[in-house]
Protein backbone atom coordinates (compact mmCIF):
# COMPACT_ATOMS: atom_id res chain seq x y z
CA UNK A 1 0.21 -0.01 -0.11
CA UNK A 2 1.36 3.50 -0.83
CA UNK A 3 1.75 5.98 1.46
CA UNK A 4 2.23 10.09 1.39
CA UNK A 5 5.09 9.97 3.51
CA UNK A 6 7.77 10.16 0.26
CA UNK A 7 7.23 13.96 0.65
CA UNK A 8 6.36 14.71 4.20
CA UNK A 9 9.40 17.00 6.07
CA UNK A 10 11.58 15.77 8.54
CA UNK A 11 9.08 17.69 11.15
CA UNK A 12 5.94 15.74 10.35
CA UNK A 13 8.20 12.01 9.98
CA UNK A 14 9.95 12.73 13.63
CA UNK A 15 6.74 13.38 14.82
CA UNK A 16 5.04 10.09 13.27
CA UNK A 17 8.03 7.98 14.56
CA UNK A 18 7.85 9.71 17.77
CA UNK A 19 4.36 8.65 18.42
CA UNK A 20 4.61 5.36 16.94
CA UNK A 21 2.61 5.70 13.51
CA UNK A 22 5.37 4.76 11.88
CA UNK A 23 8.32 2.55 11.94
CA UNK A 24 11.90 3.31 10.81
CA UNK A 25 11.47 -0.12 8.95
CA UNK A 26 8.40 0.45 7.50
CA UNK A 27 9.62 4.54 6.23
CA UNK A 28 13.03 2.98 4.62
CA UNK A 29 10.76 -0.13 2.62
CA UNK A 30 8.82 3.07 1.25
CA UNK A 31 11.76 4.94 -0.08
CA UNK A 32 13.23 1.74 -1.27
CA UNK A 33 10.36 0.22 -3.17
CA UNK A 34 10.25 3.98 -4.58
CA UNK A 35 13.90 3.88 -5.32
CA UNK A 36 13.84 0.51 -7.21
CA UNK A 37 10.12 1.75 -9.16
CA UNK A 38 11.93 4.53 -10.53
CA UNK A 39 15.91 4.20 -10.50
CA UNK A 40 16.20 2.30 -14.30
CA UNK A 41 14.71 5.47 -16.11
CA UNK A 42 16.54 7.98 -14.06
CA UNK A 43 19.76 6.69 -12.99
CA UNK A 44 19.83 7.81 -9.35
CA UNK A 45 22.02 4.74 -7.81
CA UNK A 46 24.46 2.98 -8.44
CA UNK A 47 24.31 0.56 -5.26
CA UNK A 48 21.37 0.12 -3.12
CA UNK A 49 22.17 -2.48 -0.11
CA UNK A 50 18.30 -3.19 1.28
CA UNK A 51 19.60 -5.69 3.77
CA UNK A 52 21.60 -2.80 4.92
CA UNK A 53 19.45 0.01 4.71
CA UNK A 54 17.14 -2.77 6.52
CA UNK A 55 19.05 -3.65 9.36
CA UNK A 56 20.06 -0.18 10.15
CA UNK A 57 16.08 0.95 10.34
CA UNK A 58 15.43 -2.08 12.26
CA UNK A 59 18.25 -0.59 15.20
CA UNK A 60 16.63 2.81 15.02
CA UNK A 61 13.35 1.42 15.33
CA UNK A 62 14.97 -0.25 18.82
CA UNK A 63 16.49 3.05 20.01
CA UNK A 64 13.13 4.91 19.06
CA UNK A 65 11.50 2.30 21.26
CA UNK A 66 12.41 2.77 24.01
CA UNK A 67 13.99 6.41 24.64
CA UNK A 68 12.44 7.92 21.39
CA UNK A 69 14.05 9.25 18.08
CA UNK A 70 17.36 10.89 19.41
CA UNK A 71 17.22 13.28 16.91
CA UNK A 72 15.49 14.90 13.54
CA UNK A 73 17.17 12.46 11.65
CA UNK A 74 17.12 9.25 13.54
CA UNK A 75 15.15 6.40 11.65
CA UNK A 76 15.11 8.75 8.35
CA UNK A 77 16.82 7.21 5.16
CA UNK A 78 19.47 9.43 3.49
CA UNK A 79 21.10 8.90 -0.16
CA UNK A 80 24.81 9.42 -0.05
CA UNK A 81 26.72 10.45 -2.75
CA UNK A 82 29.08 7.68 -4.12
CA UNK A 83 32.40 9.35 -3.58
CA UNK A 84 31.89 9.44 0.70
CA UNK A 85 33.21 6.42 2.12
CA UNK A 86 30.69 4.02 3.71
CA UNK A 87 32.19 0.98 5.65
CA UNK A 88 31.43 -2.85 3.95
CA UNK A 89 29.15 -1.01 1.05
CA UNK A 90 30.73 -0.50 -1.82
CA UNK A 91 31.77 3.07 -3.12
CA UNK A 92 33.13 3.43 -6.40
CA UNK A 93 33.37 7.70 -7.10
CA UNK A 94 31.57 6.55 -10.35
CA UNK A 95 34.72 5.31 -12.16
CA UNK A 96 35.62 2.00 -13.42
CA UNK A 97 39.52 2.20 -11.63
CA UNK A 98 36.64 1.34 -8.42
CA UNK A 99 33.98 -0.47 -9.05
CA UNK A 100 34.53 -2.97 -7.04
CA UNK A 101 36.22 -0.84 -3.94
CA UNK A 102 34.55 -1.72 -0.69
CA UNK A 103 35.87 0.56 1.71
CA UNK A 104 37.00 -0.49 5.51
CA UNK A 105 36.35 2.76 7.29
CA UNK A 106 33.59 5.50 7.40
CA UNK A 107 33.93 8.55 6.15
CA UNK A 108 33.75 11.04 9.41
CA UNK A 109 30.13 12.78 7.89
CA UNK A 110 28.44 9.83 7.88
CA UNK A 111 29.65 7.93 10.75
CA UNK A 112 27.88 10.90 12.43
CA UNK A 113 24.77 10.24 10.68
CA UNK A 114 24.48 6.86 11.83
CA UNK A 115 25.23 7.91 15.36
CA UNK A 116 22.37 9.99 15.20
CA UNK A 117 20.40 7.16 14.10
CA UNK A 118 20.11 7.90 10.56
CA UNK A 119 19.69 5.18 7.40
CA UNK A 120 21.76 4.59 4.82
CA UNK A 121 19.39 3.93 1.83
CA UNK A 122 22.00 3.83 -0.92
CA UNK A 123 24.86 5.37 -3.30
CA UNK A 124 23.54 8.08 -5.56
CA UNK A 125 25.43 8.66 -8.67
CA UNK A 126 27.98 11.49 -9.85
CA UNK A 127 30.48 12.54 -12.80
CA UNK A 128 33.21 10.63 -12.54
CA UNK A 129 35.28 11.19 -9.44
CA UNK A 130 32.98 14.84 -8.95
CA UNK A 131 34.49 16.34 -12.27
CA UNK A 132 31.60 17.60 -14.27
CA UNK A 133 28.68 19.75 -13.86
CA UNK A 134 25.90 17.28 -16.04
CA UNK A 135 26.21 14.02 -14.35
CA UNK A 136 26.86 12.67 -17.96
CA UNK A 137 30.41 11.63 -16.83
CA UNK A 138 29.55 9.09 -14.58
CA UNK A 139 31.52 5.87 -16.20
CA UNK A 140 28.48 3.97 -15.09
CA UNK A 141 25.16 5.51 -16.67
CA UNK A 142 23.97 9.16 -16.98
CA UNK A 143 21.56 10.16 -14.05
CA UNK A 144 18.59 11.99 -15.47
CA UNK A 145 16.37 15.00 -14.18
CA UNK A 146 13.02 13.89 -13.04
CA UNK A 147 11.15 17.25 -14.48
CA UNK A 148 12.23 15.87 -17.80
CA UNK A 149 14.58 12.58 -18.21
CA UNK A 150 16.05 14.00 -21.82
CA UNK A 151 17.69 16.92 -19.69
CA UNK A 152 20.57 16.44 -16.98
CA UNK A 153 20.33 16.78 -13.56
CA UNK A 154 23.41 18.97 -12.91
CA UNK A 155 26.24 17.63 -11.81
CA UNK A 156 28.18 16.36 -9.87
CA UNK A 157 26.25 15.64 -7.08
CA UNK A 158 23.41 14.75 -9.50
CA UNK A 159 21.98 11.44 -8.19
CA UNK A 160 21.86 12.96 -5.20
CA UNK A 161 19.87 16.01 -6.33
CA UNK A 162 17.54 13.86 -8.21
CA UNK A 163 16.81 10.88 -5.45
CA UNK A 164 15.73 14.04 -3.08
CA UNK A 165 13.73 15.92 -6.24
CA UNK A 166 11.95 12.39 -7.36
CA UNK A 167 10.91 11.36 -4.09
CA UNK A 168 13.47 8.77 -3.66
CA UNK A 169 14.95 10.13 -0.48
CA UNK A 170 14.14 12.62 1.84
CA UNK A 171 17.94 13.30 2.12
CA UNK A 172 21.12 13.36 0.86
CA UNK A 173 24.47 14.25 0.81
CA UNK A 174 26.68 15.33 -1.81
CA UNK A 175 29.90 17.40 -2.13
CA UNK A 176 30.63 20.41 -3.56
CA UNK A 177 34.01 21.71 -5.36
CA UNK A 178 33.06 24.47 -7.67
CA UNK A 179 29.37 24.15 -7.37
CA UNK A 180 28.82 20.64 -7.29
CA UNK A 181 25.86 20.47 -4.85
CA UNK A 182 24.23 24.14 -5.69
CA UNK A 183 24.35 23.81 -9.23
CA UNK A 184 22.27 20.04 -9.33
CA UNK A 185 19.71 21.51 -6.69
CA UNK A 186 18.97 24.41 -8.64
CA UNK A 187 17.96 22.16 -11.39
CA UNK A 188 16.53 19.61 -10.09
CA UNK A 189 14.40 21.85 -7.84
CA UNK A 190 15.42 21.14 -4.56
CA UNK A 191 17.42 22.77 -1.51
CA UNK A 192 21.48 22.60 -1.47
CA UNK A 193 23.92 23.97 0.70
CA UNK A 194 27.54 24.09 0.54
CA UNK A 195 29.21 24.83 4.10
CA UNK A 196 31.94 27.16 5.13
CA UNK A 197 35.43 25.61 3.95
CA UNK A 198 36.06 23.71 7.52
CA UNK A 199 32.02 23.30 8.58
CA UNK A 200 32.19 19.32 7.77
CA UNK A 201 34.95 17.38 7.95
CA UNK A 202 36.32 15.94 4.78
CA UNK A 203 37.18 12.91 6.11
CA UNK A 204 36.56 10.13 4.23
CA UNK A 205 35.32 11.79 0.87
CA UNK A 206 37.56 10.47 -1.73
CA UNK A 207 39.66 13.87 -2.95
CA UNK A 208 39.09 15.84 -5.59
CA UNK A 209 40.28 19.46 -4.92
CA UNK A 210 41.73 19.19 -1.70
CA UNK A 211 41.53 22.73 -0.50
CA UNK A 212 37.89 23.54 -2.01
CA UNK A 213 36.19 20.19 -1.46
CA UNK A 214 33.19 20.29 0.83
CA UNK A 215 30.10 17.44 1.97
CA UNK A 216 27.16 19.15 2.21
CA UNK A 217 23.34 18.88 2.61
CA UNK A 218 20.37 18.19 -0.11
CA UNK A 219 16.54 18.68 1.15
CA UNK A 220 13.19 19.47 0.02
CA UNK A 221 13.36 22.24 2.57
CA UNK A 222 15.53 24.73 4.20
CA UNK A 223 14.68 23.35 7.78
CA UNK A 224 15.07 19.89 6.65
CA UNK A 225 18.54 21.12 4.87
CA UNK A 226 19.83 22.54 8.27
CA UNK A 227 18.62 19.29 10.38
CA UNK A 228 21.11 17.16 7.81
CA UNK A 229 23.68 20.15 8.08
CA UNK A 230 23.71 19.60 12.50
CA UNK A 231 23.87 15.82 11.92
CA UNK A 232 27.08 16.13 9.92
CA UNK A 233 28.95 18.90 11.09
CA UNK A 234 31.57 19.81 13.35
CA UNK A 235 35.28 19.52 14.57
CA UNK A 236 37.34 16.35 13.34
CA UNK A 237 41.08 15.50 14.56
CA UNK A 238 41.40 13.44 11.17
CA UNK A 239 40.85 16.51 9.19
CA UNK A 240 43.55 19.10 9.24
CA UNK A 241 41.23 21.47 7.33
CA UNK A 242 38.66 21.36 10.36
CA UNK A 243 37.44 24.57 11.85
CA UNK A 244 37.86 24.76 15.56
CA UNK A 245 33.72 26.56 15.60
CA UNK A 246 32.38 23.92 12.90
CA UNK A 247 29.80 22.38 15.04
CA UNK A 248 26.65 23.87 13.83
CA UNK A 249 23.16 23.76 15.68
CA UNK A 250 19.99 24.38 14.21
CA UNK A 251 18.03 25.13 17.48
CA UNK A 252 19.98 28.41 18.03
CA UNK A 253 18.43 29.59 14.44
CA UNK A 254 15.01 32.08 15.09
CA UNK A 255 13.35 30.76 11.63
CA UNK A 256 11.61 34.21 10.90
CA UNK A 257 9.94 34.93 8.07
CA UNK A 258 10.68 38.51 7.48
CA UNK A 259 14.23 40.12 6.60
CA UNK A 260 13.30 43.66 8.29
CA UNK A 261 17.01 45.22 8.88
CA UNK A 262 18.88 42.75 6.50
CA UNK A 263 20.95 44.45 3.91
CA UNK A 264 21.44 41.80 0.75
CA UNK A 265 24.17 42.74 -1.83
CA UNK A 266 23.70 42.39 -5.93
CA UNK A 267 26.88 41.62 -7.42
CA UNK A 268 27.25 43.59 -10.91
CA UNK A 269 29.42 41.12 -12.27
CA UNK A 270 26.61 37.81 -11.74
CA UNK A 271 24.58 40.10 -14.49
CA UNK A 272 26.34 40.31 -17.63
CA UNK A 273 23.91 41.46 -20.42
CA UNK A 274 24.50 38.08 -21.62
CA UNK A 275 22.76 36.30 -18.82
CA UNK A 276 19.34 34.39 -20.51
CA UNK A 277 16.18 36.96 -20.21
CA UNK A 278 14.36 34.23 -18.22
CA UNK A 279 16.98 33.60 -15.34
CA UNK A 280 17.68 37.57 -15.21
CA UNK A 281 13.60 37.89 -14.76
CA UNK A 282 12.84 35.46 -12.47
CA UNK A 283 16.24 36.87 -10.55
CA UNK A 284 14.68 40.25 -10.15
CA UNK A 285 11.27 38.74 -9.22
CA UNK A 286 13.03 37.39 -6.12
CA UNK A 287 14.74 40.11 -5.39
CA UNK A 288 11.82 41.72 -5.32
CA UNK A 289 10.42 39.53 -3.00
CA UNK A 290 13.21 39.83 -0.39
CA UNK A 291 12.40 43.23 -0.65
CA UNK A 292 8.87 42.92 0.04
CA UNK A 293 10.23 40.66 3.13
CA UNK A 294 11.57 43.86 4.58
CA UNK A 295 15.46 43.23 3.40
CA UNK A 296 17.72 46.50 1.95
CA UNK A 297 18.83 45.58 -1.26
CA UNK A 298 22.08 47.17 -2.83
CA UNK A 299 24.26 46.52 -5.48
CA UNK A 300 28.24 45.89 -4.68
CA UNK A 301 30.79 45.19 -7.17
CA UNK A 302 33.02 41.31 -6.87
CA UNK A 303 35.26 43.04 -9.67
CA UNK A 304 38.31 39.83 -10.07
CA UNK A 305 35.31 37.34 -10.92
CA UNK A 306 35.72 37.82 -14.46
CA UNK A 307 38.69 35.53 -13.29
CA UNK A 308 36.94 32.73 -11.30
CA UNK A 309 36.74 30.46 -14.36
CA UNK A 310 40.27 30.42 -15.27
CA UNK A 311 41.47 30.57 -11.69
CA UNK A 312 39.20 27.77 -10.58
CA UNK A 313 40.18 25.53 -13.53
CA UNK A 314 43.81 25.49 -12.82
CA UNK A 315 43.99 25.05 -9.07
CA UNK A 316 41.00 22.13 -9.14
CA UNK A 317 43.06 19.93 -11.66
CA UNK A 318 46.27 21.35 -10.24
CA UNK A 319 44.87 19.27 -6.94
CA UNK A 320 43.67 16.41 -8.83
CA UNK A 321 46.61 15.70 -10.71
CA UNK A 322 48.34 15.43 -7.20
CA UNK A 323 45.25 13.99 -5.64
CA UNK A 324 44.57 11.13 -8.07
CA UNK A 325 48.23 9.81 -8.52
CA UNK A 326 46.92 6.83 -6.06
CA UNK A 327 44.92 5.58 -8.22
CA UNK A 328 47.64 2.77 -10.00
CA UNK A 329 46.05 -0.21 -10.75
CA UNK A 330 47.90 -1.56 -7.98
CA UNK A 331 46.64 -1.09 -4.48
CA UNK A 332 42.66 -1.49 -3.85
CA UNK A 333 42.00 -0.37 -8.08
CA UNK A 334 41.21 -2.68 -10.73
CA UNK A 335 43.67 -3.10 -12.76
CA UNK A 336 44.52 -3.40 -16.22
CA UNK A 337 47.84 -5.00 -18.15
CA UNK A 338 48.02 -7.65 -15.41
CA UNK A 339 51.29 -9.65 -16.70
CA UNK A 340 52.76 -6.38 -17.67
CA UNK A 341 55.47 -4.19 -16.04
CA UNK A 342 54.85 -2.48 -13.29
CA UNK A 343 55.11 0.88 -15.49
CA UNK A 344 52.42 -1.04 -18.07
CA UNK A 345 50.22 -1.48 -15.30
CA UNK A 346 50.22 1.76 -14.19
CA UNK A 347 49.84 3.20 -17.73
CA UNK A 348 46.82 1.10 -18.59
CA UNK A 349 45.22 0.63 -15.43
CA UNK A 350 44.81 4.42 -15.26
CA UNK A 351 44.27 5.23 -19.20
CA UNK A 352 41.39 2.09 -19.21
CA UNK A 353 40.07 3.12 -15.74
CA UNK A 354 40.23 6.90 -16.10
CA UNK A 355 37.27 8.40 -18.16
CA UNK A 356 38.03 11.52 -20.81
CA UNK A 357 37.31 14.05 -18.35
CA UNK A 358 39.44 13.06 -15.28
CA UNK A 359 42.11 12.28 -17.88
CA UNK A 360 41.80 16.02 -19.59
CA UNK A 361 41.84 17.59 -15.79
CA UNK A 362 44.65 15.44 -15.05
CA UNK A 363 46.59 16.30 -17.92
CA UNK A 364 45.78 19.62 -17.22
CA UNK A 365 46.63 19.80 -13.77
CA UNK A 366 49.83 18.30 -14.36
CA UNK A 367 50.92 20.79 -17.06
CA UNK A 368 50.13 23.88 -14.92
CA UNK A 369 52.24 22.10 -12.07
CA UNK A 370 55.11 21.27 -14.61
CA UNK A 371 59.02 22.80 -14.12
CA UNK A 372 58.73 26.40 -16.33
CA UNK A 373 54.55 26.50 -16.03
CA UNK A 374 54.23 26.77 -11.99
CA UNK A 375 54.49 30.16 -11.73
CA UNK A 376 53.13 31.20 -14.69
CA UNK A 377 49.79 29.40 -13.90
CA UNK A 378 49.55 27.99 -10.94
CA UNK A 379 51.11 30.46 -8.35
CA UNK A 380 49.66 33.18 -10.66
CA UNK A 381 45.75 31.43 -10.03
CA UNK A 382 46.60 31.29 -6.11
CA UNK A 383 47.81 35.34 -6.18
CA UNK A 384 43.99 35.78 -7.93
CA UNK A 385 41.92 33.46 -5.73
CA UNK A 386 43.62 35.99 -2.92
CA UNK A 387 42.02 38.75 -4.60
CA UNK A 388 38.43 36.86 -5.34
CA UNK A 389 38.91 36.30 -1.75
CA UNK A 390 39.46 39.76 -0.93
CA UNK A 391 36.44 41.34 -3.51
CA UNK A 392 33.96 38.73 -0.49
CA UNK A 393 35.17 40.83 2.63
CA UNK A 394 35.12 44.17 0.98
CA UNK A 395 31.17 43.38 -0.24
CA UNK A 396 30.33 41.74 3.34
CA UNK A 397 31.74 45.17 5.06
CA UNK A 398 28.56 46.75 3.42
CA UNK A 399 25.93 44.15 3.32
CA UNK A 400 24.83 41.05 5.05
CA UNK A 401 24.26 38.45 2.24
CA UNK A 402 24.95 38.55 -1.48
CA UNK A 403 22.41 36.43 -3.62
CA UNK A 404 22.85 35.93 -6.91
CA UNK A 405 21.37 33.10 -9.88
CA UNK A 406 22.97 29.93 -9.31
CA UNK A 407 22.54 28.38 -12.77
CA UNK A 408 22.72 30.39 -16.04
CA UNK A 409 20.42 28.13 -17.30
CA UNK A 410 17.70 25.99 -17.02
CA UNK A 411 18.76 22.16 -17.04
CA UNK A 412 20.00 21.85 -20.65
CA UNK A 413 19.41 18.52 -22.67
CA UNK A 414 21.52 15.55 -22.30
CA UNK A 415 24.43 15.24 -24.55
CA UNK A 416 24.22 19.02 -25.72
CA UNK A 417 27.33 20.26 -24.16
CA UNK A 418 29.53 16.74 -23.94
CA UNK A 419 31.62 17.61 -26.86
CA UNK A 420 32.62 21.14 -25.93
CA UNK A 421 34.06 21.15 -22.44
CA UNK A 422 34.49 24.90 -21.99
CA UNK A 423 30.76 25.20 -22.63
CA UNK A 424 30.20 23.07 -19.62
CA UNK A 425 33.06 24.86 -17.12
CA UNK A 426 30.71 28.18 -17.56
CA UNK A 427 28.01 26.04 -16.41
CA UNK A 428 29.98 26.70 -12.73
CA UNK A 429 30.67 30.46 -13.58
CA UNK A 430 28.22 31.68 -10.27
CA UNK A 431 29.84 28.81 -8.05
CA UNK A 432 32.96 29.29 -8.32
CA UNK A 433 34.15 31.75 -6.96
CA UNK A 434 32.57 31.09 -3.81
CA UNK A 435 34.26 27.79 -3.17
CA UNK A 436 37.58 29.66 -3.56
CA UNK A 437 36.89 32.00 -0.91
CA UNK A 438 35.76 29.21 0.94
CA UNK A 439 32.28 30.65 1.89
CA UNK A 440 28.88 29.33 2.99
CA UNK A 441 26.19 29.25 -0.20
CA UNK A 442 22.57 27.64 -0.45
CA UNK A 443 20.72 27.60 -3.82
CA UNK A 444 16.79 27.66 -3.20
CA UNK A 445 13.85 26.89 -5.25
CA UNK A 446 12.98 30.46 -6.64
CA UNK A 447 10.22 29.36 -9.90
CA UNK A 448 10.85 27.73 -13.42
CA UNK A 449 11.78 28.88 -16.84
CA UNK A 450 10.09 28.58 -20.22
CA UNK A 451 10.22 24.69 -20.48
CA UNK A 452 9.22 25.19 -17.14
CA UNK A 453 12.12 23.64 -15.30
CA UNK A 454 13.01 24.70 -11.84
CA UNK A 455 15.38 27.73 -11.56
CA UNK A 456 17.59 28.40 -8.54
CA UNK A 457 18.80 31.61 -6.34
CA UNK A 458 21.70 31.35 -4.63
CA UNK A 459 22.22 33.07 -1.07
CA UNK A 460 26.09 33.53 -0.04
CA UNK A 461 27.70 34.51 3.50
CA UNK A 462 30.16 35.37 5.54
CA UNK A 463 32.75 32.75 6.51
CA UNK A 464 31.08 29.92 9.27
CA UNK A 465 27.18 32.21 9.07
CA UNK A 466 25.32 28.80 7.38
CA UNK A 467 22.67 30.04 9.89
CA UNK A 468 22.42 33.61 8.53
CA UNK A 469 21.74 32.36 4.75
CA UNK A 470 19.78 29.41 6.05
CA UNK A 471 17.28 31.87 7.79
CA UNK A 472 17.07 34.43 4.58
CA UNK A 473 16.65 31.16 2.65
CA UNK A 474 14.03 30.14 5.26
CA UNK A 475 12.11 33.55 4.77
CA UNK A 476 12.37 33.67 1.00
CA UNK A 477 10.61 29.97 0.96
CA UNK A 478 8.44 30.85 3.44
CA UNK A 479 6.66 33.87 1.26
CA UNK A 480 6.65 31.09 -1.91
CA UNK A 481 5.52 27.35 -2.63
CA UNK A 482 8.10 26.47 -5.18
CA UNK A 483 9.83 23.86 -2.76
CA UNK A 484 6.62 22.08 -2.57
CA UNK A 485 6.05 21.39 -6.02
CA UNK A 486 7.54 17.99 -7.41
CA UNK A 487 8.28 16.71 -10.20
CA UNK A 488 5.44 13.84 -11.64
CA UNK A 489 8.11 10.92 -12.93
């Protein structure tokens, strides 16, 4: 018998579990059934271990039966991006090199989730090693947008975004290096938060670009996003970049529906003349909504924004080149050239195991780090990164938050940009600078484009001010009903 549990928010599900109107096993089975019915069509999950999910749900029910739910995520199924390590559950990073890899330890973020009583529903699809903006770079199969299966869900956390959007999971974890939570959240009509760098431990997340990677929450609503962030945040001695003040508490948020006294900045550089007219019109409507909620709107400048994409696509591939050197076909990866020399095993394993986009970024990263080019490219990119950070510092001296469109366009067609890497890279034009500055940013649903596909509004805050952007996002969300609309798939 089908229920409407799939569309309930966490407050409602929590209360139902507390009153024993449902069990975690029943809830988990409901989402498993939904996922099995729709996964072939959408390609959202790479691994679903029903036994693991139901056993975790049974353990949650045991505790709930005697003590009640111990957190808002207790007994709740969560989908996890398949680049985040889960002990004894396959983690592939959507790569042929790791197609059979089963981790022997747990990431800090998921470990905290399980300690809060959450349930692992499955591992979601992504662009290989999180390198992409469309989820078409998965070495297994592409993920599709639930609103229109001829279009991409965004990337690299496309599987997590699509799973929440299609009601396959109430919550999901993604990772964001240059926009990989926010952009797919926008394209799939859900909420996605990139935390401040250091807010959530990176330990156990397979590294793409270590100075930029962040694990973050994805959900149907702002409050649900806050509950998930609380469960995974906090200082971690296993991550040297973890911030000392990393714990986040949802209980400290006011959840006001007015923005009186708040000043919100609009960076002029994020509204170029070339911006899609539908995105611009939607953004202007969103700005008017915020103004009606009491916010003061002010134009600001971020003059080094134009260098963001170039800067990012030097720093991130350089770090990827270093991080991915460990995947050599010898230790825990799949292997090609078994009977060849050691160097031939390296070459064949990396050639056969890595997809075209990963190879492209390794080559680019190795080039900018090579002798004679380090100063010209990588060192200069680090200097530009500092200028971008200074731009944000100066802007935040004048305003409390910044707003921009999340994506320069609505979801594009499958295959429409895959042969033009530069065009694909420009999908992240509104998100990469925030990552380079290490700031928190959230994408929230703000309407629909001409093809009736979701659009996202990005709210950017000062470092470690997730509370501020969540409260602002909540006020906007409550003034509209965009987050309540779901695809019909």
